């Protein structure tokens, strides 16, 4: 979908993304995922994070002793991630960054764990796209490997986000978030405007973001069709997910 004056997602906001998301407790997400890894007795400390963005979670995994691979389709976001790590970490092979499409990617060797966080899978706007991602993940996992992800629910996009406009201020960034939900396609369209106050001047950035809401049954079927055995949980818990949750976690096992 095109919108006059609005750029594609993650093409311009990369330098400001971490400031906008500073309220997210990524450490709790990483700790939760590590519990899942331990429960499944995966000992190899290697993680691929698809839609890795600016690499915040990669850095947290690295501090826990994991080698990390980050994959993202946005060169601008990868550039922020690249600047997060010392060059020696790349030379040692502890950090790798790949520009690729999460719907169709291939690694040199399969990995034991793949993650996809902060509703990145919702950016796949058709069931075929989501299935393609599941299939690519499956093909790049080792046997008994894990795919751990989160997604926004229909309730989140239709009710919590809904049709509304709100404003925020994060230091020098004044942001306007205009959401519109289409109940027929179940796609939420966000027109995001940033006014950044720097050096006595105002810089304006506009990006168009879209997320599709999938039912829990749709997610289960697509993951099952890709070959996974999947469990869905309420976010950061081990309680079964329901449609009234706002965010759910998926734990998919390659059998």
C-alpha atoms as a PDB file:
ATOM      1  CA  UNK A   1       0.000   0.000   0.000  1.00  0.00           C
ATOM      2  CA  UNK A   2       1.315   3.457  -0.931  1.00  0.00           C
ATOM      3  CA  UNK A   3       0.605   6.652   0.911  1.00  0.00           C
ATOM      4  CA  UNK A   4       1.562  10.096  -0.349  1.00  0.00           C
ATOM      5  CA  UNK A   5       4.706  11.401   1.337  1.00  0.00           C
ATOM      6  CA  UNK A   6       5.245   8.285   3.490  1.00  0.00           C
ATOM      7  CA  UNK A   7       8.352   6.142   3.035  1.00  0.00           C
ATOM      8  CA  UNK A   8       8.523   2.329   3.301  1.00  0.00           C
ATOM      9  CA  UNK A   9       8.903   0.901   6.831  1.00  0.00           C
ATOM     10  CA  UNK A  10      12.308   1.049   8.526  1.00  0.00           C
ATOM     11  CA  UNK A  11      13.863   3.033   5.687  1.00  0.00           C
ATOM     12  CA  UNK A  12      14.336   6.302   7.599  1.00  0.00           C
ATOM     13  CA  UNK A  13      13.566   5.774  11.287  1.00  0.00           C
ATOM     14  CA  UNK A  14      16.566   3.502  11.967  1.00  0.00           C
ATOM     15  CA  UNK A  15      18.681   6.156  13.786  1.00  0.00           C
ATOM     16  CA  UNK A  16      15.738   6.929  16.079  1.00  0.00           C
ATOM     17  CA  UNK A  17      14.223   3.466  16.490  1.00  0.00           C
ATOM     18  CA  UNK A  18      15.940   2.540  19.760  1.00  0.00           C
ATOM     19  CA  UNK A  19      14.874   5.826  21.336  1.00  0.00           C
ATOM     20  CA  UNK A  20      11.272   5.210  20.278  1.00  0.00           C
ATOM     21  CA  UNK A  21      11.352   1.674  21.739  1.00  0.00           C
ATOM     22  CA  UNK A  22      13.289   2.482  24.911  1.00  0.00           C
ATOM     23  CA  UNK A  23      10.300   1.413  27.039  1.00  0.00           C
ATOM     24  CA  UNK A  24      10.587  -2.225  25.887  1.00  0.00           C
ATOM     25  CA  UNK A  25      12.205  -4.604  28.388  1.00  0.00           C
ATOM     26  CA  UNK A  26      14.066  -6.733  25.857  1.00  0.00           C
ATOM     27  CA  UNK A  27      16.061  -8.370  28.636  1.00  0.00           C
ATOM     28  CA  UNK A  28      12.898 -10.044  29.940  1.00  0.00           C
ATOM     29  CA  UNK A  29      12.189 -11.379  26.439  1.00  0.00           C
ATOM     30  CA  UNK A  30      15.695 -12.832  26.144  1.00  0.00           C
ATOM     31  CA  UNK A  31      15.527 -14.358  29.632  1.00  0.00           C
ATOM     32  CA  UNK A  32      12.179 -15.983  28.810  1.00  0.00           C
ATOM     33  CA  UNK A  33      13.487 -17.427  25.549  1.00  0.00           C
ATOM     34  CA  UNK A  34      16.576 -18.763  27.311  1.00  0.00           C
ATOM     35  CA  UNK A  35      14.287 -20.654  29.692  1.00  0.00           C
ATOM     36  CA  UNK A  36      12.638 -22.295  26.687  1.00  0.00           C
ATOM     37  CA  UNK A  37      16.030 -23.194  25.239  1.00  0.00           C
ATOM     38  CA  UNK A  38      17.052 -24.782  28.548  1.00  0.00           C
ATOM     39  CA  UNK A  39      13.759 -26.685  28.865  1.00  0.00           C
ATOM     40  CA  UNK A  40      14.409 -28.214  25.449  1.00  0.00           C
ATOM     41  CA  UNK A  41      18.005 -29.002  26.426  1.00  0.00           C
ATOM     42  CA  UNK A  42      19.619 -27.235  23.519  1.00  0.00           C
ATOM     43  CA  UNK A  43      23.241 -26.808  24.511  1.00  0.00           C
ATOM     44  CA  UNK A  44      24.775 -25.213  21.412  1.00  0.00           C
ATOM     45  CA  UNK A  45      24.979 -21.471  22.036  1.00  0.00           C
ATOM     46  CA  UNK A  46      24.092 -20.139  18.614  1.00  0.00           C
ATOM     47  CA  UNK A  47      21.029 -18.052  17.733  1.00  0.00           C
ATOM     48  CA  UNK A  48      19.720 -16.582  14.494  1.00  0.00           C
ATOM     49  CA  UNK A  49      17.403 -13.602  14.998  1.00  0.00           C
ATOM     50  CA  UNK A  50      15.377 -12.786  11.877  1.00  0.00           C
ATOM     51  CA  UNK A  51      14.076  -9.223  11.537  1.00  0.00           C
ATOM     52  CA  UNK A  52      16.855  -8.397  14.002  1.00  0.00           C
ATOM     53  CA  UNK A  53      16.488  -4.648  13.512  1.00  0.00           C
ATOM     54  CA  UNK A  54      19.081  -2.570  15.358  1.00  0.00           C
ATOM     55  CA  UNK A  55      20.502  -5.622  17.128  1.00  0.00           C
ATOM     56  CA  UNK A  56      19.457  -4.950  20.730  1.00  0.00           C
ATOM     57  CA  UNK A  57      18.605  -8.608  21.372  1.00  0.00           C
ATOM     58  CA  UNK A  58      21.720  -9.788  19.543  1.00  0.00           C
ATOM     59  CA  UNK A  59      23.783  -7.792  22.003  1.00  0.00           C
ATOM     60  CA  UNK A  60      21.923  -9.286  24.968  1.00  0.00           C
ATOM     61  CA  UNK A  61      22.463 -12.830  23.658  1.00  0.00           C
ATOM     62  CA  UNK A  62      26.132 -12.074  23.082  1.00  0.00           C
ATOM     63  CA  UNK A  63      26.492 -11.018  26.727  1.00  0.00           C
ATOM     64  CA  UNK A  64      25.027 -14.380  27.724  1.00  0.00           C
ATOM     65  CA  UNK A  65      27.769 -16.182  25.822  1.00  0.00           C
ATOM     66  CA  UNK A  66      25.895 -16.964  22.599  1.00  0.00           C
ATOM     67  CA  UNK A  67      27.210 -16.523  19.090  1.00  0.00           C
ATOM     68  CA  UNK A  68      24.659 -14.558  17.091  1.00  0.00           C
ATOM     69  CA  UNK A  69      23.471 -14.127  13.527  1.00  0.00           C
ATOM     70  CA  UNK A  70      21.200 -11.233  12.681  1.00  0.00           C
ATOM     71  CA  UNK A  71      19.090 -11.129   9.537  1.00  0.00           C
ATOM     72  CA  UNK A  72      17.067  -8.165   8.339  1.00  0.00           C
ATOM     73  CA  UNK A  73      15.715  -6.762   5.103  1.00  0.00           C
ATOM     74  CA  UNK A  74      16.507  -3.140   5.996  1.00  0.00           C
ATOM     75  CA  UNK A  75      20.061  -1.999   5.305  1.00  0.00           C
ATOM     76  CA  UNK A  76      19.439   1.095   7.433  1.00  0.00           C
ATOM     77  CA  UNK A  77      18.532  -1.016  10.481  1.00  0.00           C
ATOM     78  CA  UNK A  78      21.469  -3.368   9.859  1.00  0.00           C
ATOM     79  CA  UNK A  79      23.829  -0.404   9.762  1.00  0.00           C
ATOM     80  CA  UNK A  80      22.757   0.597  13.277  1.00  0.00           C
ATOM     81  CA  UNK A  81      23.233  -3.008  14.377  1.00  0.00           C
ATOM     82  CA  UNK A  82      26.664  -3.168  12.709  1.00  0.00           C
ATOM     83  CA  UNK A  83      27.843  -0.131  14.652  1.00  0.00           C
ATOM     84  CA  UNK A  84      26.754  -1.751  17.923  1.00  0.00           C
ATOM     85  CA  UNK A  85      29.541  -4.348  17.868  1.00  0.00           C
ATOM     86  CA  UNK A  86      33.330  -4.228  17.861  1.00  0.00           C
ATOM     87  CA  UNK A  87      34.954  -5.274  14.608  1.00  0.00           C
ATOM     88  CA  UNK A  88      36.839  -8.060  16.423  1.00  0.00           C
ATOM     89  CA  UNK A  89      33.538  -9.825  17.172  1.00  0.00           C
ATOM     90  CA  UNK A  90      32.871 -10.073  13.436  1.00  0.00           C
ATOM     91  CA  UNK A  91      36.408 -11.316  12.780  1.00  0.00           C
ATOM     92  CA  UNK A  92      36.039 -13.966  15.492  1.00  0.00           C
ATOM     93  CA  UNK A  93      32.744 -15.133  13.992  1.00  0.00           C
ATOM     94  CA  UNK A  94      30.807 -14.341  17.151  1.00  0.00           C
ATOM     95  CA  UNK A  95      28.569 -11.891  15.278  1.00  0.00           C
ATOM     96  CA  UNK A  96      27.269 -12.173  11.713  1.00  0.00           C
ATOM     97  CA  UNK A  97      24.798  -9.860  10.002  1.00  0.00           C
ATOM     98  CA  UNK A  98      22.894 -10.756   6.838  1.00  0.00           C
ATOM     99  CA  UNK A  99      20.683  -8.640   4.605  1.00  0.00           C
ATOM    100  CA  UNK A 100      17.920 -10.953   3.452  1.00  0.00           C
ATOM    101  CA  UNK A 101      14.164 -11.415   3.230  1.00  0.00           C
ATOM    102  CA  UNK A 102      12.769 -13.440   6.117  1.00  0.00           C
ATOM    103  CA  UNK A 103      10.257 -14.984   3.699  1.00  0.00           C
ATOM    104  CA  UNK A 104      13.043 -16.621   1.721  1.00  0.00           C
ATOM    105  CA  UNK A 105      16.512 -16.974   3.190  1.00  0.00           C
ATOM    106  CA  UNK A 106      19.223 -19.591   3.322  1.00  0.00           C
ATOM    107  CA  UNK A 107      22.147 -20.112   5.697  1.00  0.00           C
ATOM    108  CA  UNK A 108      25.417 -21.904   5.006  1.00  0.00           C
ATOM    109  CA  UNK A 109      24.608 -24.297   7.858  1.00  0.00           C
ATOM    110  CA  UNK A 110      21.458 -24.937   9.920  1.00  0.00           C
ATOM    111  CA  UNK A 111      21.213 -23.470  13.423  1.00  0.00           C
ATOM    112  CA  UNK A 112      19.637 -24.795  16.651  1.00  0.00           C
ATOM    113  CA  UNK A 113      17.509 -21.742  17.502  1.00  0.00           C
ATOM    114  CA  UNK A 114      15.829 -19.043  15.438  1.00  0.00           C
ATOM    115  CA  UNK A 115      13.912 -16.117  16.927  1.00  0.00           C
ATOM    116  CA  UNK A 116      11.671 -13.415  15.457  1.00  0.00           C
ATOM    117  CA  UNK A 117      10.550 -10.743  17.896  1.00  0.00           C
ATOM    118  CA  UNK A 118       8.449  -7.633  18.413  1.00  0.00           C
ATOM    119  CA  UNK A 119       5.583  -8.575  16.063  1.00  0.00           C
ATOM    120  CA  UNK A 120       7.855  -8.703  13.017  1.00  0.00           C
ATOM    121  CA  UNK A 121       5.861 -11.655  11.639  1.00  0.00           C
ATOM    122  CA  UNK A 122       2.766  -9.446  11.547  1.00  0.00           C
ATOM    123  CA  UNK A 123       4.475  -7.467   8.781  1.00  0.00           C
ATOM    124  CA  UNK A 124       3.848 -10.479   6.518  1.00  0.00           C
ATOM    125  CA  UNK A 125       0.503  -9.446   5.064  1.00  0.00           C
ATOM    126  CA  UNK A 126      -0.743 -12.693   3.517  1.00  0.00           C
ATOM    127  CA  UNK A 127      -0.935 -16.310   4.723  1.00  0.00           C
ATOM    128  CA  UNK A 128       1.338 -17.303   1.833  1.00  0.00           C
ATOM    129  CA  UNK A 129       4.017 -14.901   3.059  1.00  0.00           C
ATOM    130  CA  UNK A 130       3.769 -16.154   6.630  1.00  0.00           C
ATOM    131  CA  UNK A 131       3.923 -19.765   5.435  1.00  0.00           C
ATOM    132  CA  UNK A 132       6.994 -18.960   3.316  1.00  0.00           C
ATOM    133  CA  UNK A 133       8.707 -17.551   6.386  1.00  0.00           C
ATOM    134  CA  UNK A 134       7.812 -20.614   8.466  1.00  0.00           C
ATOM    135  CA  UNK A 135       9.127 -22.860   5.684  1.00  0.00           C
ATOM    136  CA  UNK A 136      12.408 -20.948   5.351  1.00  0.00           C
ATOM    137  CA  UNK A 137      12.892 -21.100   9.105  1.00  0.00           C
ATOM    138  CA  UNK A 138      12.149 -24.835   9.120  1.00  0.00           C
ATOM    139  CA  UNK A 139      14.684 -25.506   6.368  1.00  0.00           C
ATOM    140  CA  UNK A 140      17.410 -23.558   8.219  1.00  0.00           C
ATOM    141  CA  UNK A 141      16.905 -25.247  11.616  1.00  0.00           C
ATOM    142  CA  UNK A 142      18.693 -28.317  12.878  1.00  0.00           C
ATOM    143  CA  UNK A 143      16.595 -31.357  13.761  1.00  0.00           C
ATOM    144  CA  UNK A 144      14.745 -30.688  17.052  1.00  0.00           C
ATOM    145  CA  UNK A 145      15.603 -27.008  16.643  1.00  0.00           C
ATOM    146  CA  UNK A 146      13.360 -24.238  17.945  1.00  0.00           C
ATOM    147  CA  UNK A 147      11.636 -21.296  16.313  1.00  0.00           C
ATOM    148  CA  UNK A 148      10.527 -18.836  19.000  1.00  0.00           C
ATOM    149  CA  UNK A 149       8.524 -15.775  18.019  1.00  0.00           C
ATOM    150  CA  UNK A 150       5.869 -13.333  19.146  1.00  0.00           C
ATOM    151  CA  UNK A 151       2.897 -11.849  17.299  1.00  0.00           C
ATOM    152  CA  UNK A 152       0.189  -9.284  17.852  1.00  0.00           C
ATOM    153  CA  UNK A 153      -3.314 -10.766  17.959  1.00  0.00           C
ATOM    154  CA  UNK A 154      -6.508  -9.712  16.209  1.00  0.00           C
ATOM    155  CA  UNK A 155      -7.632  -8.210  19.522  1.00  0.00           C
ATOM    156  CA  UNK A 156      -4.457  -6.124  19.713  1.00  0.00           C
ATOM    157  CA  UNK A 157      -4.730  -4.643  16.244  1.00  0.00           C
ATOM    158  CA  UNK A 158      -8.506  -4.239  16.170  1.00  0.00           C
ATOM    159  CA  UNK A 159      -9.182  -3.083  19.730  1.00  0.00           C
ATOM    160  CA  UNK A 160      -5.952  -1.935  21.390  1.00  0.00           C
ATOM    161  CA  UNK A 161      -4.611  -0.127  18.316  1.00  0.00           C
ATOM    162  CA  UNK A 162      -7.943   0.312  16.549  1.00  0.00           C
ATOM    163  CA  UNK A 163      -8.671   3.534  14.696  1.00  0.00           C
ATOM    164  CA  UNK A 164      -6.950   6.237  16.653  1.00  0.00           C
ATOM    165  CA  UNK A 165      -4.228   8.845  16.618  1.00  0.00           C
ATOM    166  CA  UNK A 166      -1.946   9.534  19.535  1.00  0.00           C
ATOM    167  CA  UNK A 167       1.213  11.535  20.150  1.00  0.00           C
ATOM    168  CA  UNK A 168       4.359  10.882  22.151  1.00  0.00           C
ATOM    169  CA  UNK A 169       7.509  12.711  23.075  1.00  0.00           C
ATOM    170  CA  UNK A 170      10.768  10.833  23.533  1.00  0.00           C
ATOM    171  CA  UNK A 171      13.447  13.400  24.284  1.00  0.00           C
ATOM    172  CA  UNK A 172      13.958  15.391  21.064  1.00  0.00           C
ATOM    173  CA  UNK A 173      11.486  13.217  19.128  1.00  0.00           C
ATOM    174  CA  UNK A 174       7.836  14.189  18.838  1.00  0.00           C
ATOM    175  CA  UNK A 175       5.924  11.340  17.180  1.00  0.00           C
ATOM    176  CA  UNK A 176       2.397  11.069  15.788  1.00  0.00           C
ATOM    177  CA  UNK A 177       0.928   7.570  15.443  1.00  0.00           C
ATOM    178  CA  UNK A 178      -2.135   7.345  13.201  1.00  0.00           C
ATOM    179  CA  UNK A 179      -3.653   3.829  13.141  1.00  0.00           C
ATOM    180  CA  UNK A 180      -6.447   2.550  10.874  1.00  0.00           C
ATOM    181  CA  UNK A 181      -7.720  -1.040  11.094  1.00  0.00           C
ATOM    182  CA  UNK A 182      -9.490  -2.731   8.177  1.00  0.00           C
ATOM    183  CA  UNK A 183     -11.795  -5.438   9.621  1.00  0.00           C
ATOM    184  CA  UNK A 184     -12.074  -7.203   6.244  1.00  0.00           C
ATOM    185  CA  UNK A 185      -8.361  -7.683   5.607  1.00  0.00           C
ATOM    186  CA  UNK A 186      -7.433  -7.528   9.304  1.00  0.00           C
ATOM    187  CA  UNK A 187      -4.592  -5.197   8.357  1.00  0.00           C
ATOM    188  CA  UNK A 188      -3.638  -2.284  10.575  1.00  0.00           C
ATOM    189  CA  UNK A 189      -2.074   0.654   8.750  1.00  0.00           C
ATOM    190  CA  UNK A 190       0.123   2.990  10.765  1.00  0.00           C
ATOM    191  CA  UNK A 191       1.161   6.361   9.403  1.00  0.00           C
ATOM    192  CA  UNK A 192       4.046   7.352  11.621  1.00  0.00           C
ATOM    193  CA  UNK A 193       5.350  10.908  11.647  1.00  0.00           C
ATOM    194  CA  UNK A 194       8.475  11.913  13.548  1.00  0.00           C
ATOM    195  CA  UNK A 195       9.457  15.517  14.175  1.00  0.00           C
ATOM    196  CA  UNK A 196      13.037  15.482  15.420  1.00  0.00           C
ATOM    197  CA  UNK A 197      14.449  18.581  17.084  1.00  0.00           C
ATOM    198  CA  UNK A 198      18.210  18.744  16.470  1.00  0.00           C
ATOM    199  CA  UNK A 199      20.646  21.669  16.453  1.00  0.00           C
ATOM    200  CA  UNK A 200      17.848  24.205  16.498  1.00  0.00           C
ATOM    201  CA  UNK A 201      16.134  22.651  13.486  1.00  0.00           C
ATOM    202  CA  UNK A 202      13.238  20.264  12.923  1.00  0.00           C
ATOM    203  CA  UNK A 203      13.638  17.167  10.770  1.00  0.00           C
ATOM    204  CA  UNK A 204      10.444  15.382   9.709  1.00  0.00           C
ATOM    205  CA  UNK A 205      10.272  11.697   8.835  1.00  0.00           C
ATOM    206  CA  UNK A 206       7.158   9.849   7.659  1.00  0.00           C
ATOM    207  CA  UNK A 207       6.879   6.079   7.332  1.00  0.00           C
ATOM    208  CA  UNK A 208       4.033   3.719   6.479  1.00  0.00           C
ATOM    209  CA  UNK A 209       3.817   0.501   8.516  1.00  0.00           C
ATOM    210  CA  UNK A 210       1.299  -2.311   8.075  1.00  0.00           C
ATOM    211  CA  UNK A 211       0.621  -5.363  10.223  1.00  0.00           C
ATOM    212  CA  UNK A 212      -1.813  -8.208   9.600  1.00  0.00           C
ATOM    213  CA  UNK A 213      -3.619  -9.978  12.435  1.00  0.00           C
ATOM    214  CA  UNK A 214      -3.863 -13.765  12.227  1.00  0.00           C
ATOM    215  CA  UNK A 215      -6.100 -15.975  14.334  1.00  0.00           C
ATOM    216  CA  UNK A 216      -4.391 -18.513  16.583  1.00  0.00           C
ATOM    217  CA  UNK A 217      -5.804 -21.319  14.442  1.00  0.00           C
ATOM    218  CA  UNK A 218      -4.338 -19.748  11.301  1.00  0.00           C
ATOM    219  CA  UNK A 219      -0.911 -19.505  12.917  1.00  0.00           C
ATOM    220  CA  UNK A 220      -1.087 -23.108  14.115  1.00  0.00           C
ATOM    221  CA  UNK A 221      -2.133 -24.418  10.686  1.00  0.00           C
ATOM    222  CA  UNK A 222       0.539 -22.536   8.765  1.00  0.00           C
ATOM    223  CA  UNK A 223       3.248 -23.677  11.185  1.00  0.00           C
ATOM    224  CA  UNK A 224       1.930 -27.238  11.033  1.00  0.00           C
ATOM    225  CA  UNK A 225       1.878 -27.160   7.222  1.00  0.00           C
ATOM    226  CA  UNK A 226       5.533 -26.078   7.300  1.00  0.00           C
ATOM    227  CA  UNK A 227       6.383 -29.153   9.383  1.00  0.00           C
ATOM    228  CA  UNK A 228       6.472 -27.738  12.907  1.00  0.00           C
ATOM    229  CA  UNK A 229       4.930 -28.902  16.139  1.00  0.00           C
ATOM    230  CA  UNK A 230       3.818 -25.634  17.701  1.00  0.00           C
ATOM    231  CA  UNK A 231       2.614 -24.338  21.063  1.00  0.00           C
ATOM    232  CA  UNK A 232       1.177 -20.836  21.567  1.00  0.00           C
ATOM    233  CA  UNK A 233       1.431 -19.025  24.895  1.00  0.00           C
ATOM    234  CA  UNK A 234       0.365 -15.750  26.430  1.00  0.00           C
ATOM    235  CA  UNK A 235       3.286 -13.355  26.093  1.00  0.00           C
ATOM    236  CA  UNK A 236       6.232 -14.205  28.366  1.00  0.00           C
ATOM    237  CA  UNK A 237       4.270 -16.948  30.151  1.00  0.00           C
ATOM    238  CA  UNK A 238       3.616 -20.647  29.730  1.00  0.00           C
ATOM    239  CA  UNK A 239      -0.146 -20.209  29.924  1.00  0.00           C
ATOM    240  CA  UNK A 240      -2.063 -21.198  26.772  1.00  0.00           C
ATOM    241  CA  UNK A 241      -2.710 -18.283  24.444  1.00  0.00           C
ATOM    242  CA  UNK A 242      -6.243 -17.059  23.738  1.00  0.00           C
ATOM    243  CA  UNK A 243      -7.706 -14.651  21.210  1.00  0.00           C
ATOM    244  CA  UNK A 244      -8.199 -11.961  23.869  1.00  0.00           C
ATOM    245  CA  UNK A 245      -4.472 -11.753  24.568  1.00  0.00           C
ATOM    246  CA  UNK A 246      -2.739  -8.765  22.996  1.00  0.00           C
ATOM    247  CA  UNK A 247       0.547 -10.514  22.266  1.00  0.00           C
ATOM    248  CA  UNK A 248       1.313 -14.218  22.022  1.00  0.00           C
ATOM    249  CA  UNK A 249       4.494 -16.299  21.940  1.00  0.00           C
ATOM    250  CA  UNK A 250       5.010 -19.204  19.570  1.00  0.00           C
ATOM    251  CA  UNK A 251       7.365 -22.091  20.281  1.00  0.00           C
ATOM    252  CA  UNK A 252       7.728 -24.273  17.194  1.00  0.00           C
ATOM    253  CA  UNK A 253       9.823 -27.452  17.153  1.00  0.00           C
ATOM    254  CA  UNK A 254      11.331 -28.983  14.033  1.00  0.00           C
ATOM    255  CA  UNK A 255      10.638 -32.691  14.385  1.00  0.00           C
END
